């Protein structure tokens, strides 16, 4: 199994790539690494933060998609009804936008640092945008 490091501000997580369930999404994301951006608090999705990617064309369709991510799940929404984005659930979440419910490709699952998820989410909520960086850790 392959893993990524995810740093959000001062918080550090390790996540497992869901390569069996979302092989195309994982392969496409790996090509972007290392990937840095900003994460902001979600407006419609509950306890989640997101990385807006605008009109970035992932070339992907849906695979392993859900609109009810579990705590520690990361979804890649490939665009269509709303802008392309990454959603990072830190608590109870239902993926949505101003257009209504969305489904995103579940491609990463946090396996280390889960105890920091709520603090990370609250930091983004109360202190604003935070830097986020994804790096490849390879197979562990």
Protein backbone atom coordinates (compact mmCIF):
# COMPACT_ATOMS: atom_id res chain seq x y z
CA UNK A 1 0.00 0.00 0.00
CA UNK A 2 1.13 3.51 -0.77
CA UNK A 3 0.92 6.45 1.62
CA UNK A 4 1.01 10.23 1.47
CA UNK A 5 2.04 12.81 4.03
CA UNK A 6 -0.48 15.62 4.47
CA UNK A 7 0.53 18.78 6.33
CA UNK A 8 -2.15 21.35 7.15
CA UNK A 9 -0.59 24.31 8.93
CA UNK A 10 1.14 22.73 11.95
CA UNK A 11 -0.87 19.48 11.76
CA UNK A 12 0.60 16.33 10.24
CA UNK A 13 -1.29 13.32 8.87
CA UNK A 14 -0.43 10.13 7.03
CA UNK A 15 -3.03 8.86 4.57
CA UNK A 16 -3.40 5.63 2.63
CA UNK A 17 -4.08 5.89 -1.09
CA UNK A 18 -7.24 3.95 -1.98
CA UNK A 19 -5.62 2.53 -5.12
CA UNK A 20 -7.82 -0.55 -5.37
CA UNK A 21 -11.10 1.36 -5.08
CA UNK A 22 -10.06 4.53 -6.99
CA UNK A 23 -7.08 3.62 -9.20
CA UNK A 24 -7.53 6.37 -11.82
CA UNK A 25 -8.00 9.11 -9.21
CA UNK A 26 -4.96 7.96 -7.23
CA UNK A 27 -2.78 7.76 -10.36
CA UNK A 28 -3.87 11.24 -11.47
CA UNK A 29 -3.19 12.74 -8.04
CA UNK A 30 0.23 11.10 -7.75
CA UNK A 31 1.27 12.92 -10.93
CA UNK A 32 0.61 16.25 -9.14
CA UNK A 33 2.91 15.52 -6.19
CA UNK A 34 4.32 17.26 -4.36
CA UNK A 35 1.14 19.35 -4.27
CA UNK A 36 0.72 22.54 -2.23
CA UNK A 37 -2.23 24.87 -1.94
CA UNK A 38 -4.47 26.45 0.70
CA UNK A 39 -7.29 24.80 2.55
CA UNK A 40 -10.38 26.72 3.68
CA UNK A 41 -13.39 25.72 5.73
CA UNK A 42 -16.29 24.25 3.79
CA UNK A 43 -19.43 26.33 3.45
CA UNK A 44 -22.01 23.62 2.87
CA UNK A 45 -20.40 20.29 3.77
CA UNK A 46 -20.40 20.32 7.56
CA UNK A 47 -17.21 19.42 9.40
CA UNK A 48 -14.87 19.51 6.43
CA UNK A 49 -12.24 21.70 4.83
CA UNK A 50 -11.63 22.00 1.12
CA UNK A 51 -9.06 22.92 -1.47
CA UNK A 52 -10.76 24.83 -4.30
CA UNK A 53 -9.22 23.97 -7.67
CA UNK A 54 -11.44 26.11 -9.90
CA UNK A 55 -11.70 24.90 -13.47
CA UNK A 56 -8.73 22.50 -13.19
CA UNK A 57 -9.47 19.60 -15.54
CA UNK A 58 -8.61 16.31 -13.88
CA UNK A 59 -9.73 14.27 -16.88
CA UNK A 60 -11.51 12.00 -14.40
CA UNK A 61 -15.02 10.73 -14.00
CA UNK A 62 -16.52 9.19 -10.90
CA UNK A 63 -15.07 6.15 -9.14
CA UNK A 64 -15.49 5.11 -5.52
CA UNK A 65 -17.61 8.23 -5.14
CA UNK A 66 -19.66 9.23 -2.11
CA UNK A 67 -21.33 12.29 -0.68
CA UNK A 68 -21.07 11.03 2.92
CA UNK A 69 -17.33 10.89 3.67
CA UNK A 70 -16.23 9.46 6.98
CA UNK A 71 -13.97 11.35 9.37
CA UNK A 72 -10.48 11.32 7.83
CA UNK A 73 -11.63 10.65 4.25
CA UNK A 74 -10.46 12.85 1.38
CA UNK A 75 -12.55 13.17 -1.77
CA UNK A 76 -11.58 14.54 -5.15
CA UNK A 77 -14.50 16.11 -6.96
CA UNK A 78 -13.54 16.03 -10.66
CA UNK A 79 -15.72 19.00 -11.60
CA UNK A 80 -18.96 19.32 -13.49
CA UNK A 81 -21.80 20.86 -11.49
CA UNK A 82 -19.41 22.80 -9.28
CA UNK A 83 -15.71 23.61 -9.37
CA UNK A 84 -13.03 20.95 -9.04
CA UNK A 85 -12.00 20.49 -5.41
CA UNK A 86 -10.57 18.28 -2.71
CA UNK A 87 -12.77 17.77 0.37
CA UNK A 88 -11.12 16.69 3.65
CA UNK A 89 -13.68 15.55 6.27
CA UNK A 90 -12.61 16.07 9.88
CA UNK A 91 -15.99 15.17 11.42
CA UNK A 92 -19.61 14.76 10.36
CA UNK A 93 -19.92 15.74 6.72
CA UNK A 94 -22.26 15.58 3.76
CA UNK A 95 -20.56 16.81 0.59
CA UNK A 96 -22.49 19.69 -1.00
CA UNK A 97 -22.18 22.99 -2.83
CA UNK A 98 -24.48 25.86 -3.67
CA UNK A 99 -25.72 23.57 -6.49
CA UNK A 100 -26.81 20.91 -3.95
CA UNK A 101 -25.35 17.54 -3.00
CA UNK A 102 -22.15 16.43 -4.70
CA UNK A 103 -20.26 13.15 -4.81
CA UNK A 104 -16.49 12.98 -4.83
CA UNK A 105 -13.99 10.18 -5.42
CA UNK A 106 -12.78 8.81 -2.07
CA UNK A 107 -9.07 8.42 -2.78
CA UNK A 108 -7.28 8.96 0.55
CA UNK A 109 -7.94 7.79 4.11
CA UNK A 110 -6.09 9.21 7.13
CA UNK A 111 -4.34 6.39 9.03
CA UNK A 112 -2.10 8.46 11.34
CA UNK A 113 -2.97 11.71 13.09
CA UNK A 114 -6.72 11.12 13.42
CA UNK A 115 -6.56 12.55 16.93
CA UNK A 116 -5.67 15.95 15.37
CA UNK A 117 -8.51 16.10 12.84
CA UNK A 118 -10.97 18.09 14.97
CA UNK A 119 -8.27 20.57 16.07
CA UNK A 120 -7.18 21.02 12.45
CA UNK A 121 -10.75 21.70 11.34
CA UNK A 122 -11.39 24.17 14.14
CA UNK A 123 -8.14 25.98 13.35
CA UNK A 124 -9.21 26.44 9.72
CA UNK A 125 -12.69 27.51 10.86
CA UNK A 126 -11.52 30.11 13.39
CA UNK A 127 -8.16 31.22 12.01
CA UNK A 128 -8.86 31.04 8.28
CA UNK A 129 -7.03 29.53 5.33
CA UNK A 130 -4.07 27.29 6.11
CA UNK A 131 -1.36 25.90 3.84
CA UNK A 132 -1.77 22.27 2.81
CA UNK A 133 0.94 20.08 1.31
CA UNK A 134 0.75 16.50 0.03
CA UNK A 135 3.96 14.49 -0.44
CA UNK A 136 4.53 10.87 -1.42
CA UNK A 137 5.81 8.56 1.32
CA UNK A 138 5.85 5.52 -0.96
CA UNK A 139 5.05 2.08 0.40
CA UNK A 140 5.33 1.65 4.16
